[in-house]
Amino acid sequence: PAFLVIVNDTMAYVFGVLMGNHKLLPRLSPKKTVEGFIGAGFSTVAVALPLLKLFVKHSEEGSKFLSVMGLDNGNMLKHALALGFYT
């Protein structure tokens, strides 16, 4: 999760600087742009999906690491989906 926060913040900055024309909430944060917000969202999803597939694949193989964490037998997918919906 911390890696995805870094990706999101970095890509929000990059998209905002390169393409930012429309202010998101000028009174709250004058430099945030709609383009940065949308670009960060798409970038984070683009990075998160392959990671999710990797974790699900390892979960299906019965990885000892995931088993110790209690995330084996398909529970990894359930946890990932729950986190996606509630965060």
C-alpha atoms as a PDB file:
ATOM      1  CA  PRO A   1       0.000   0.000   0.000  1.00  0.00           C
ATOM      2  CA  ALA A   2       2.797   2.478   0.747  1.00  0.00           C
ATOM      3  CA  PHE A   3       4.212   1.917  -2.733  1.00  0.00           C
ATOM      4  CA  LEU A   4       0.842   2.821  -4.262  1.00  0.00           C
ATOM      5  CA  VAL A   5       0.718   6.031  -2.219  1.00  0.00           C
ATOM      6  CA  ILE A   6       4.123   7.000  -3.599  1.00  0.00           C
ATOM      7  CA  VAL A   7       2.967   6.218  -7.146  1.00  0.00           C
ATOM      8  CA  ASN A   8      -0.206   8.246  -6.636  1.00  0.00           C
ATOM      9  CA  ASP A   9       1.562  11.307  -5.208  1.00  0.00           C
ATOM     10  CA  THR A  10       4.315  11.254  -7.818  1.00  0.00           C
ATOM     11  CA  MET A  11       1.971  10.861 -10.758  1.00  0.00           C
ATOM     12  CA  ALA A  12      -0.385  13.552  -9.433  1.00  0.00           C
ATOM     13  CA  TYR A  13       2.569  15.929  -9.443  1.00  0.00           C
ATOM     14  CA  VAL A  14       3.763  14.853 -12.906  1.00  0.00           C
ATOM     15  CA  PHE A  15       0.337  15.080 -14.551  1.00  0.00           C
ATOM     16  CA  GLY A  16      -0.447  18.317 -12.740  1.00  0.00           C
ATOM     17  CA  VAL A  17       2.761  19.989 -13.877  1.00  0.00           C
ATOM     18  CA  LEU A  18       2.620  18.704 -17.455  1.00  0.00           C
ATOM     19  CA  MET A  19      -1.091  19.026 -18.204  1.00  0.00           C
ATOM     20  CA  GLY A  20      -2.715  20.855 -15.291  1.00  0.00           C
ATOM     21  CA  ASN A  21      -5.010  23.645 -16.427  1.00  0.00           C
ATOM     22  CA  HIS A  22      -8.104  23.302 -14.276  1.00  0.00           C
ATOM     23  CA  LYS A  23      -7.824  23.948 -10.548  1.00  0.00           C
ATOM     24  CA  LEU A  24      -9.340  21.239  -8.341  1.00  0.00           C
ATOM     25  CA  LEU A  25     -10.040  23.150  -5.096  1.00  0.00           C
ATOM     26  CA  PRO A  26      -8.309  26.538  -5.257  1.00  0.00           C
ATOM     27  CA  ARG A  27      -9.255  27.658  -1.751  1.00  0.00           C
ATOM     28  CA  LEU A  28      -8.076  24.425  -0.153  1.00  0.00           C
ATOM     29  CA  SER A  29      -4.936  23.756  -2.187  1.00  0.00           C
ATOM     30  CA  PRO A  30      -4.193  26.235  -4.980  1.00  0.00           C
ATOM     31  CA  LYS A  31      -1.748  24.055  -6.946  1.00  0.00           C
ATOM     32  CA  LYS A  32      -3.860  20.884  -7.183  1.00  0.00           C
ATOM     33  CA  THR A  33      -5.416  20.273 -10.598  1.00  0.00           C
ATOM     34  CA  VAL A  34      -8.147  18.066 -12.003  1.00  0.00           C
ATOM     35  CA  GLU A  35      -5.680  16.629 -14.518  1.00  0.00           C
ATOM     36  CA  GLY A  36      -3.276  15.667 -11.736  1.00  0.00           C
ATOM     37  CA  PHE A  37      -6.075  14.007  -9.779  1.00  0.00           C
ATOM     38  CA  ILE A  38      -7.311  11.970 -12.762  1.00  0.00           C
ATOM     39  CA  GLY A  39      -3.816  11.086 -13.977  1.00  0.00           C
ATOM     40  CA  ALA A  40      -2.828   9.891 -10.514  1.00  0.00           C
ATOM     41  CA  GLY A  41      -5.940   7.742 -10.259  1.00  0.00           C
ATOM     42  CA  PHE A  42      -5.346   6.024 -13.598  1.00  0.00           C
ATOM     43  CA  SER A  43      -1.642   5.552 -12.877  1.00  0.00           C
ATOM     44  CA  THR A  44      -2.286   4.020  -9.475  1.00  0.00           C
ATOM     45  CA  VAL A  45      -4.812   1.573 -10.903  1.00  0.00           C
ATOM     46  CA  ALA A  46      -2.394   0.707 -13.728  1.00  0.00           C
ATOM     47  CA  VAL A  47       0.271  -0.207 -11.163  1.00  0.00           C
ATOM     48  CA  ALA A  48      -2.102  -1.873  -8.680  1.00  0.00           C
ATOM     49  CA  LEU A  49      -3.748  -4.325 -11.100  1.00  0.00           C
ATOM     50  CA  PRO A  50      -0.577  -6.248 -12.008  1.00  0.00           C
ATOM     51  CA  LEU A  51       0.364  -6.346  -8.325  1.00  0.00           C
ATOM     52  CA  LEU A  52      -3.059  -7.752  -7.473  1.00  0.00           C
ATOM     53  CA  LYS A  53      -2.683 -10.427 -10.160  1.00  0.00           C
ATOM     54  CA  LEU A  54       0.734 -11.318  -8.793  1.00  0.00           C
ATOM     55  CA  PHE A  55      -0.577 -11.679  -5.240  1.00  0.00           C
ATOM     56  CA  VAL A  56      -3.564 -13.737  -6.374  1.00  0.00           C
ATOM     57  CA  LYS A  57      -1.271 -16.008  -8.384  1.00  0.00           C
ATOM     58  CA  HIS A  58       0.935 -16.577  -5.340  1.00  0.00           C
ATOM     59  CA  SER A  59      -2.120 -17.145  -3.207  1.00  0.00           C
ATOM     60  CA  GLU A  60      -3.347 -19.858  -5.572  1.00  0.00           C
ATOM     61  CA  GLU A  61       0.052 -21.560  -5.479  1.00  0.00           C
ATOM     62  CA  GLY A  62      -0.109 -21.809  -1.679  1.00  0.00           C
ATOM     63  CA  SER A  63       2.843 -19.564  -0.945  1.00  0.00           C
ATOM     64  CA  LYS A  64       4.186 -20.040   2.594  1.00  0.00           C
ATOM     65  CA  PHE A  65       4.405 -16.285   3.104  1.00  0.00           C
ATOM     66  CA  LEU A  66       0.737 -15.750   2.312  1.00  0.00           C
ATOM     67  CA  SER A  67      -0.210 -18.815   4.303  1.00  0.00           C
ATOM     68  CA  VAL A  68       1.532 -17.427   7.391  1.00  0.00           C
ATOM     69  CA  MET A  69      -0.352 -14.162   6.903  1.00  0.00           C
ATOM     70  CA  GLY A  70      -3.636 -16.082   6.712  1.00  0.00           C
ATOM     71  CA  LEU A  71      -4.251 -15.052   3.127  1.00  0.00           C
ATOM     72  CA  ASP A  72      -4.264 -18.434   1.412  1.00  0.00           C
ATOM     73  CA  ASN A  73      -7.140 -20.374  -0.161  1.00  0.00           C
ATOM     74  CA  GLY A  74      -8.493 -17.431  -2.175  1.00  0.00           C
ATOM     75  CA  ASN A  75      -8.744 -15.064   0.785  1.00  0.00           C
ATOM     76  CA  MET A  76      -6.211 -12.724  -0.854  1.00  0.00           C
ATOM     77  CA  LEU A  77      -8.666 -11.823  -3.574  1.00  0.00           C
ATOM     78  CA  LYS A  78     -11.411 -11.224  -1.005  1.00  0.00           C
ATOM     79  CA  HIS A  79      -9.115  -8.967   1.036  1.00  0.00           C
ATOM     80  CA  ALA A  80      -7.983  -7.034  -2.032  1.00  0.00           C
ATOM     81  CA  LEU A  81     -11.541  -6.468  -3.207  1.00  0.00           C
ATOM     82  CA  ALA A  82     -12.669  -5.415   0.262  1.00  0.00           C
ATOM     83  CA  LEU A  83      -9.810  -2.923   0.523  1.00  0.00           C
ATOM     84  CA  GLY A  84     -10.628  -1.596  -2.930  1.00  0.00           C
ATOM     85  CA  PHE A  85     -14.265  -1.006  -2.053  1.00  0.00           C
ATOM     86  CA  TYR A  86     -13.775   0.444   1.421  1.00  0.00           C
ATOM     87  CA  THR A  87     -10.771   2.737   0.909  1.00  0.00           C
END
